[in-house]
Amino acid sequence: MFVTPAFAQTTGAPGAGAAVAQFLPIILIFVIFYFLLIRPQQQKMKQHKAMVEALRRGDQVVTSGGIVAKVSKVQDDGMVEVEIADGVKVKVVKHTITQVLNKTEPAAS
C-alpha cells in the first residue's frame, strides 16, 4: 500500500544497443593502441629487416654495442664479418646492426 506503482514495476531487459555501448570504449582503446603502438613497431621491424638483408661488403655500419665497422663478408647463417680496425675482423649477428652509415654502390655489370 505504501509503495507507489512506479517503484513496484521491474525494469525491462537491456537491449542489444546497451551491450555494444558497454564494449565500445574497450574496442576504441584497442584501435588507438593498434595505430599508435603496434602498427608503427611493425613498420620499424620491417624497415630494419630490409636494411639487414641489403647489407653488402664495404658498407659502414654501427652495431648495437656502438662499434662503427666496415662489412668485410656477409654470411648466409645470419652472421656478418666486420672489420673494426686494420686487420681486426669480428663476426657479429646481422640483427645487431642498428644503422648503415655509408652504402657502397653495386658493382657495374
Protein backbone atom coordinates (compact mmCIF):
# COMPACT_ATOMS: atom_id res chain seq x y z
CA MET A 1 0.00 0.00 0.00
CA PHE A 2 2.79 2.35 0.71
CA VAL A 3 4.73 1.50 -2.46
CA THR A 4 3.81 3.52 -5.50
CA PRO A 5 3.20 1.60 -8.73
CA ALA A 6 6.24 3.20 -10.42
CA PHE A 7 8.64 1.67 -7.90
CA ALA A 8 6.93 -1.70 -7.95
CA GLN A 9 7.48 -2.26 -11.67
CA THR A 10 10.58 -4.07 -12.85
CA THR A 11 12.85 -2.57 -15.46
CA GLY A 12 12.90 -4.07 -18.92
CA ALA A 13 15.79 -6.21 -20.15
CA PRO A 14 18.64 -4.18 -21.63
CA GLY A 15 18.66 -4.16 -25.41
CA ALA A 16 21.47 -5.15 -27.76
CA GLY A 17 22.47 -1.49 -28.06
CA ALA A 18 23.39 -1.36 -24.40
CA ALA A 19 25.76 -4.33 -24.74
CA VAL A 20 27.56 -2.72 -27.67
CA ALA A 21 27.77 0.57 -25.80
CA GLN A 22 29.50 -1.20 -22.90
CA PHE A 23 32.19 -2.71 -25.16
CA LEU A 24 32.66 0.40 -27.31
CA PRO A 25 35.33 2.00 -25.04
CA ILE A 26 37.36 -1.23 -24.98
CA ILE A 27 37.18 -1.52 -28.76
CA LEU A 28 38.14 2.13 -29.13
CA ILE A 29 41.16 1.69 -26.83
CA PHE A 30 42.33 -1.32 -28.86
CA VAL A 31 42.04 0.64 -32.12
CA ILE A 32 44.04 3.52 -30.66
CA PHE A 33 46.75 1.13 -29.38
CA TYR A 34 46.93 -0.52 -32.79
CA PHE A 35 47.50 2.73 -34.67
CA LEU A 36 49.79 4.36 -32.10
CA LEU A 37 51.88 1.41 -30.88
CA ILE A 38 51.52 -1.86 -32.78
CA ARG A 39 51.48 -0.67 -36.41
CA PRO A 40 54.49 1.71 -36.14
CA GLN A 41 56.51 -1.01 -34.40
CA GLN A 42 55.70 -3.49 -37.18
CA GLN A 43 56.77 -0.96 -39.81
CA LYS A 44 60.01 -0.27 -37.94
CA MET A 45 60.75 -4.01 -37.75
CA LYS A 46 60.06 -4.36 -41.47
CA GLN A 47 62.46 -1.50 -42.29
CA HIS A 48 65.19 -3.00 -40.06
CA LYS A 49 64.79 -6.40 -41.71
CA ALA A 50 65.09 -4.82 -45.17
CA MET A 51 68.19 -2.89 -44.07
CA VAL A 52 69.84 -6.05 -42.71
CA GLU A 53 69.00 -8.05 -45.84
CA ALA A 54 70.51 -5.31 -48.04
CA LEU A 55 73.93 -5.39 -46.33
CA ARG A 56 76.85 -5.72 -48.71
CA ARG A 57 80.60 -5.88 -48.48
CA GLY A 58 82.06 -2.42 -47.96
CA ASP A 59 79.10 -0.93 -46.07
CA GLN A 60 80.00 1.05 -42.98
CA VAL A 61 77.69 0.04 -40.12
CA VAL A 62 77.02 0.69 -36.43
CA THR A 63 76.37 -2.30 -34.16
CA SER A 64 74.06 -2.27 -31.16
CA GLY A 65 77.15 -2.02 -28.96
CA GLY A 66 78.10 1.26 -30.64
CA ILE A 67 81.01 -0.11 -32.67
CA VAL A 68 81.49 1.51 -36.07
CA ALA A 69 82.79 -1.09 -38.51
CA LYS A 70 83.10 -1.94 -42.18
CA VAL A 71 81.44 -5.08 -43.53
CA SER A 72 84.03 -7.43 -44.99
CA LYS A 73 81.91 -10.54 -45.52
CA VAL A 74 78.18 -11.31 -45.37
CA GLN A 75 77.47 -14.93 -44.48
CA ASP A 76 74.26 -16.89 -45.06
CA ASP A 77 73.92 -18.16 -41.49
CA GLY A 78 72.87 -14.78 -40.07
CA MET A 79 76.41 -13.64 -39.34
CA VAL A 80 78.42 -10.73 -40.74
CA GLU A 81 82.15 -10.38 -40.56
CA VAL A 82 83.08 -6.76 -39.88
CA GLU A 83 86.43 -5.03 -39.70
CA ILE A 84 86.67 -2.74 -36.68
CA ALA A 85 90.32 -1.74 -37.21
CA ASP A 86 93.08 -2.52 -39.70
CA GLY A 87 93.41 -6.30 -39.72
CA VAL A 88 90.92 -6.82 -36.84
CA LYS A 89 87.86 -8.72 -38.02
CA VAL A 90 84.95 -9.73 -35.81
CA LYS A 91 81.85 -11.79 -36.52
CA VAL A 92 78.56 -10.26 -35.39
CA VAL A 93 74.95 -11.32 -35.73
CA LYS A 94 73.19 -9.49 -38.57
CA HIS A 95 70.31 -8.29 -36.43
CA THR A 96 72.64 -6.49 -34.00
CA ILE A 97 73.43 -3.96 -36.72
CA THR A 98 71.39 -0.89 -35.94
CA GLN A 99 72.38 1.56 -38.66
CA VAL A 100 74.12 1.68 -42.02
CA LEU A 101 76.23 4.83 -42.28
CA ASN A 102 77.65 4.55 -45.81
CA LYS A 103 76.29 2.30 -48.51
CA THR A 104 78.61 1.06 -51.23
CA GLU A 105 77.48 1.29 -54.81
CA PRO A 106 76.77 -2.03 -56.51
CA ALA A 107 79.42 -3.14 -58.97
CA ALA A 108 78.60 -2.28 -62.58
CA SER A 109 78.00 -5.32 -64.76
